[in-house]
Amino acid sequence: MITADDVKLAVSKLKHVKIDVLSSDYFLNAGHDLYVHLALLFTAMIVHGIVPREFLISSILPIPKSKLSGTANSDNYRGIALSSILGKILDQC
């Protein structure tokens, strides 16, 4: 069972970034009621074994491997996946 304190601790570990529509600042500055509702949601997801599709969506950004090799070659890039804010909070819980 996930508690509101677990969610609050997980949110406190977030960095101040905007990955998708939801910014981490929304969760960092939220009140206790949001943490209670997220704890209920996460507990229900674990009990029923279902994760909404929105939690699985991530953004893939190309990062250059080396600045010396040039940016024109696509082999010089690696992709990193940025998961959603709610997915990051669930992972921390």
C-alpha atoms as a PDB file:
ATOM      1  CA  MET A   1       0.000   0.000   0.000  1.00  0.00           C
ATOM      2  CA  ILE A   2       1.348   3.399  -0.988  1.00  0.00           C
ATOM      3  CA  THR A   3       0.747   6.265   1.422  1.00  0.00           C
ATOM      4  CA  ALA A   4       0.561  10.008   0.861  1.00  0.00           C
ATOM      5  CA  ASP A   5       3.907  10.340   2.653  1.00  0.00           C
ATOM      6  CA  ASP A   6       5.459   7.909   0.146  1.00  0.00           C
ATOM      7  CA  VAL A   7       4.159  10.049  -2.718  1.00  0.00           C
ATOM      8  CA  LYS A   8       5.383  13.256  -1.050  1.00  0.00           C
ATOM      9  CA  LEU A   9       8.872  11.752  -0.641  1.00  0.00           C
ATOM     10  CA  ALA A  10       8.892  10.617  -4.289  1.00  0.00           C
ATOM     11  CA  VAL A  11       7.789  14.068  -5.478  1.00  0.00           C
ATOM     12  CA  SER A  12      10.502  15.743  -3.407  1.00  0.00           C
ATOM     13  CA  LYS A  13      13.105  13.821  -5.447  1.00  0.00           C
ATOM     14  CA  LEU A  14      11.878  15.302  -8.754  1.00  0.00           C
ATOM     15  CA  LYS A  15      13.946  17.925 -10.530  1.00  0.00           C
ATOM     16  CA  HIS A  16      12.399  21.182 -11.722  1.00  0.00           C
ATOM     17  CA  VAL A  17      11.778  20.268 -15.370  1.00  0.00           C
ATOM     18  CA  LYS A  18       8.945  20.320 -17.849  1.00  0.00           C
ATOM     19  CA  ILE A  19       8.917  17.047 -19.790  1.00  0.00           C
ATOM     20  CA  ASP A  20       5.360  16.836 -21.022  1.00  0.00           C
ATOM     21  CA  VAL A  21       2.154  18.795 -20.466  1.00  0.00           C
ATOM     22  CA  LEU A  22       2.549  18.405 -16.701  1.00  0.00           C
ATOM     23  CA  SER A  23       5.483  20.247 -15.186  1.00  0.00           C
ATOM     24  CA  SER A  24       7.204  18.845 -12.109  1.00  0.00           C
ATOM     25  CA  ASP A  25       6.595  22.212 -10.417  1.00  0.00           C
ATOM     26  CA  TYR A  26       2.876  21.399 -10.272  1.00  0.00           C
ATOM     27  CA  PHE A  27       3.618  18.391  -8.087  1.00  0.00           C
ATOM     28  CA  LEU A  28       6.421  20.006  -6.082  1.00  0.00           C
ATOM     29  CA  ASN A  29       4.119  22.874  -5.051  1.00  0.00           C
ATOM     30  CA  ALA A  30       0.951  20.794  -4.613  1.00  0.00           C
ATOM     31  CA  GLY A  31      -0.975  20.349  -1.414  1.00  0.00           C
ATOM     32  CA  HIS A  32      -1.392  17.223   0.671  1.00  0.00           C
ATOM     33  CA  ASP A  33      -4.732  16.357  -0.980  1.00  0.00           C
ATOM     34  CA  LEU A  34      -3.029  15.643  -4.303  1.00  0.00           C
ATOM     35  CA  TYR A  35      -0.615  13.260  -2.600  1.00  0.00           C
ATOM     36  CA  VAL A  36      -3.542  11.424  -1.004  1.00  0.00           C
ATOM     37  CA  HIS A  37      -5.280  11.014  -4.364  1.00  0.00           C
ATOM     38  CA  LEU A  38      -2.096   9.885  -6.098  1.00  0.00           C
ATOM     39  CA  ALA A  39      -1.468   7.365  -3.309  1.00  0.00           C
ATOM     40  CA  LEU A  40      -4.974   5.956  -3.814  1.00  0.00           C
ATOM     41  CA  LEU A  41      -4.442   5.800  -7.584  1.00  0.00           C
ATOM     42  CA  PHE A  42      -1.048   4.088  -7.304  1.00  0.00           C
ATOM     43  CA  THR A  43      -2.345   1.601  -4.731  1.00  0.00           C
ATOM     44  CA  ALA A  44      -5.307   0.735  -6.973  1.00  0.00           C
ATOM     45  CA  MET A  45      -2.959   0.262  -9.925  1.00  0.00           C
ATOM     46  CA  ILE A  46      -0.795  -2.140  -7.939  1.00  0.00           C
ATOM     47  CA  VAL A  47      -3.746  -4.066  -6.516  1.00  0.00           C
ATOM     48  CA  HIS A  48      -5.432  -4.486  -9.908  1.00  0.00           C
ATOM     49  CA  GLY A  49      -2.222  -4.870 -11.914  1.00  0.00           C
ATOM     50  CA  ILE A  50      -3.163  -2.289 -14.530  1.00  0.00           C
ATOM     51  CA  VAL A  51      -1.187   0.754 -15.656  1.00  0.00           C
ATOM     52  CA  PRO A  52      -2.850   3.422 -17.840  1.00  0.00           C
ATOM     53  CA  ARG A  53      -1.332   3.907 -21.272  1.00  0.00           C
ATOM     54  CA  GLU A  54      -0.440   7.503 -20.440  1.00  0.00           C
ATOM     55  CA  PHE A  55       2.065   6.269 -17.842  1.00  0.00           C
ATOM     56  CA  LEU A  56       3.933   4.302 -20.514  1.00  0.00           C
ATOM     57  CA  ILE A  57       4.406   7.166 -22.968  1.00  0.00           C
ATOM     58  CA  SER A  58       7.862   8.706 -23.103  1.00  0.00           C
ATOM     59  CA  SER A  59       9.682  11.270 -25.218  1.00  0.00           C
ATOM     60  CA  ILE A  60      12.875  10.187 -26.966  1.00  0.00           C
ATOM     61  CA  LEU A  61      15.538  12.858 -27.354  1.00  0.00           C
ATOM     62  CA  PRO A  62      18.710  12.487 -29.450  1.00  0.00           C
ATOM     63  CA  ILE A  63      21.912  13.206 -27.535  1.00  0.00           C
ATOM     64  CA  PRO A  64      25.237  13.528 -29.388  1.00  0.00           C
ATOM     65  CA  LYS A  65      27.800  10.896 -28.390  1.00  0.00           C
ATOM     66  CA  SER A  66      30.772  13.085 -29.189  1.00  0.00           C
ATOM     67  CA  LYS A  67      30.993  16.748 -30.073  1.00  0.00           C
ATOM     68  CA  LEU A  68      34.189  16.124 -32.016  1.00  0.00           C
ATOM     69  CA  SER A  69      32.671  13.656 -34.510  1.00  0.00           C
ATOM     70  CA  GLY A  70      30.239  16.155 -35.958  1.00  0.00           C
ATOM     71  CA  THR A  71      26.500  16.522 -35.757  1.00  0.00           C
ATOM     72  CA  ALA A  72      25.664  15.642 -39.367  1.00  0.00           C
ATOM     73  CA  ASN A  73      26.125  11.869 -38.913  1.00  0.00           C
ATOM     74  CA  SER A  74      23.097  10.102 -37.374  1.00  0.00           C
ATOM     75  CA  ASP A  75      25.376   7.361 -35.991  1.00  0.00           C
ATOM     76  CA  ASN A  76      26.842   9.984 -33.676  1.00  0.00           C
ATOM     77  CA  TYR A  77      23.618  10.169 -31.640  1.00  0.00           C
ATOM     78  CA  ARG A  78      22.075   8.030 -28.935  1.00  0.00           C
ATOM     79  CA  GLY A  79      18.494   8.289 -27.793  1.00  0.00           C
ATOM     80  CA  ILE A  80      17.361   8.790 -24.226  1.00  0.00           C
ATOM     81  CA  ALA A  81      13.785   8.295 -23.115  1.00  0.00           C
ATOM     82  CA  LEU A  82      12.154  10.797 -20.789  1.00  0.00           C
ATOM     83  CA  SER A  83       9.196   9.223 -19.021  1.00  0.00           C
ATOM     84  CA  SER A  84       6.121  11.077 -17.829  1.00  0.00           C
ATOM     85  CA  ILE A  85       6.080  12.882 -14.488  1.00  0.00           C
ATOM     86  CA  LEU A  86       3.446  10.522 -13.058  1.00  0.00           C
ATOM     87  CA  GLY A  87       5.496   7.542 -14.190  1.00  0.00           C
ATOM     88  CA  LYS A  88       8.563   8.941 -12.444  1.00  0.00           C
ATOM     89  CA  ILE A  89       6.606   9.437  -9.214  1.00  0.00           C
ATOM     90  CA  LEU A  90       5.281   5.877  -9.405  1.00  0.00           C
ATOM     91  CA  ASP A  91       8.808   4.550 -10.015  1.00  0.00           C
ATOM     92  CA  GLN A  92      10.082   6.347  -6.922  1.00  0.00           C
ATOM     93  CA  CYS A  93       7.247   4.935  -4.807  1.00  0.00           C
END
